[in-house]
Amino acid sequence: MDLALPLDQMSVEEKLRAIERLWEDLAKVPANVPSPSWHRDVLDARDKRHASGQEGSIPWDKAKEEIRRRKP
């Protein structure tokens, strides 16, 4: 299947919505999405920083809102 998206005609918001839709579909079967070996190391390091209070977090919905508010 050859898929061509009019990326040059899409707004940033439209592109982000497309990414979200793709990820939602991929996330239906997480086992089908390969993860590189280095990714586990990065996640472990972030977990340690979060657990020690060195790094915080915000809910994903709030993060998306903040991203959308940014001006290009």
C-alpha atoms as a PDB file:
ATOM      1  CA  MET A   1       0.000   0.000   0.000  1.00  0.00           C
ATOM      2  CA  ASP A   2       1.439   3.331  -1.059  1.00  0.00           C
ATOM      3  CA  LEU A   3       0.225   6.102   1.228  1.00  0.00           C
ATOM      4  CA  ALA A   4       0.820   9.714   0.325  1.00  0.00           C
ATOM      5  CA  LEU A   5      -0.157  12.431   2.775  1.00  0.00           C
ATOM      6  CA  PRO A   6      -0.280  16.101   1.754  1.00  0.00           C
ATOM      7  CA  LEU A   7       2.187  17.014   4.502  1.00  0.00           C
ATOM      8  CA  ASP A   8       3.100  20.326   2.906  1.00  0.00           C
ATOM      9  CA  GLN A   9      -0.588  21.291   3.015  1.00  0.00           C
ATOM     10  CA  MET A  10      -1.280  20.113   6.573  1.00  0.00           C
ATOM     11  CA  SER A  11      -1.130  22.359   9.630  1.00  0.00           C
ATOM     12  CA  VAL A  12       0.936  21.357  12.646  1.00  0.00           C
ATOM     13  CA  GLU A  13      -2.280  20.530  14.488  1.00  0.00           C
ATOM     14  CA  GLU A  14      -3.427  18.256  11.648  1.00  0.00           C
ATOM     15  CA  LYS A  15      -0.052  16.513  11.591  1.00  0.00           C
ATOM     16  CA  LEU A  16      -0.157  15.943  15.357  1.00  0.00           C
ATOM     17  CA  ARG A  17      -3.681  14.523  15.099  1.00  0.00           C
ATOM     18  CA  ALA A  18      -2.487  12.175  12.342  1.00  0.00           C
ATOM     19  CA  ILE A  19       0.402  11.028  14.540  1.00  0.00           C
ATOM     20  CA  GLU A  20      -1.995  10.458  17.444  1.00  0.00           C
ATOM     21  CA  ARG A  21      -4.332   8.384  15.268  1.00  0.00           C
ATOM     22  CA  LEU A  22      -1.427   6.286  13.985  1.00  0.00           C
ATOM     23  CA  TRP A  23      -0.102   5.715  17.492  1.00  0.00           C
ATOM     24  CA  GLU A  24      -3.552   4.789  18.822  1.00  0.00           C
ATOM     25  CA  ASP A  25      -3.826   2.181  16.076  1.00  0.00           C
ATOM     26  CA  LEU A  26      -0.316   0.823  16.678  1.00  0.00           C
ATOM     27  CA  ALA A  27      -0.937   0.698  20.422  1.00  0.00           C
ATOM     28  CA  LYS A  28      -3.830  -1.724  19.942  1.00  0.00           C
ATOM     29  CA  VAL A  29      -1.257  -4.534  19.708  1.00  0.00           C
ATOM     30  CA  PRO A  30       1.874  -3.328  21.543  1.00  0.00           C
ATOM     31  CA  ALA A  31       3.717  -6.586  20.877  1.00  0.00           C
ATOM     32  CA  ASN A  32       3.758  -5.705  17.170  1.00  0.00           C
ATOM     33  CA  VAL A  33       5.694  -2.471  17.799  1.00  0.00           C
ATOM     34  CA  PRO A  34       9.398  -3.259  18.168  1.00  0.00           C
ATOM     35  CA  SER A  35      11.424  -1.248  20.644  1.00  0.00           C
ATOM     36  CA  PRO A  36      15.180  -0.766  20.255  1.00  0.00           C
ATOM     37  CA  SER A  37      17.304  -2.225  23.051  1.00  0.00           C
ATOM     38  CA  TRP A  38      18.646   1.193  24.119  1.00  0.00           C
ATOM     39  CA  HIS A  39      15.092   2.348  24.816  1.00  0.00           C
ATOM     40  CA  ARG A  40      14.837   0.181  27.971  1.00  0.00           C
ATOM     41  CA  ASP A  41      18.008   1.837  29.315  1.00  0.00           C
ATOM     42  CA  VAL A  42      16.545   5.321  28.749  1.00  0.00           C
ATOM     43  CA  LEU A  43      13.246   4.372  30.409  1.00  0.00           C
ATOM     44  CA  ASP A  44      15.032   2.836  33.402  1.00  0.00           C
ATOM     45  CA  ALA A  45      17.141   5.984  33.867  1.00  0.00           C
ATOM     46  CA  ARG A  46      14.043   8.186  33.694  1.00  0.00           C
ATOM     47  CA  ASP A  47      12.221   5.958  36.195  1.00  0.00           C
ATOM     48  CA  LYS A  48      15.135   6.334  38.624  1.00  0.00           C
ATOM     49  CA  ARG A  49      15.177  10.141  38.242  1.00  0.00           C
ATOM     50  CA  HIS A  50      11.402  10.287  38.731  1.00  0.00           C
ATOM     51  CA  ALA A  51      11.485   8.021  41.790  1.00  0.00           C
ATOM     52  CA  SER A  52      14.220  10.137  43.372  1.00  0.00           C
ATOM     53  CA  GLY A  53      12.297  13.366  42.737  1.00  0.00           C
ATOM     54  CA  GLN A  54      14.828  14.698  40.229  1.00  0.00           C
ATOM     55  CA  GLU A  55      12.289  14.582  37.393  1.00  0.00           C
ATOM     56  CA  GLY A  56       8.572  15.309  37.417  1.00  0.00           C
ATOM     57  CA  SER A  57       5.746  14.448  35.088  1.00  0.00           C
ATOM     58  CA  ILE A  58       2.427  15.804  33.865  1.00  0.00           C
ATOM     59  CA  PRO A  59      -0.615  13.990  32.456  1.00  0.00           C
ATOM     60  CA  TRP A  60      -0.418  13.238  28.731  1.00  0.00           C
ATOM     61  CA  ASP A  61      -3.549  15.293  27.943  1.00  0.00           C
ATOM     62  CA  LYS A  62      -2.002  18.342  29.590  1.00  0.00           C
ATOM     63  CA  ALA A  63       1.285  17.794  27.741  1.00  0.00           C
ATOM     64  CA  LYS A  64      -0.576  17.671  24.416  1.00  0.00           C
ATOM     65  CA  GLU A  65      -2.380  20.917  25.264  1.00  0.00           C
ATOM     66  CA  GLU A  66       0.935  22.599  26.041  1.00  0.00           C
ATOM     67  CA  ILE A  67       2.450  21.361  22.771  1.00  0.00           C
ATOM     68  CA  ARG A  68      -0.506  22.653  20.789  1.00  0.00           C
ATOM     69  CA  ARG A  69      -0.260  26.078  22.443  1.00  0.00           C
ATOM     70  CA  ARG A  70       3.335  26.533  21.374  1.00  0.00           C
ATOM     71  CA  LYS A  71       3.834  28.768  18.403  1.00  0.00           C
ATOM     72  CA  PRO A  72       6.042  27.466  15.579  1.00  0.00           C
END
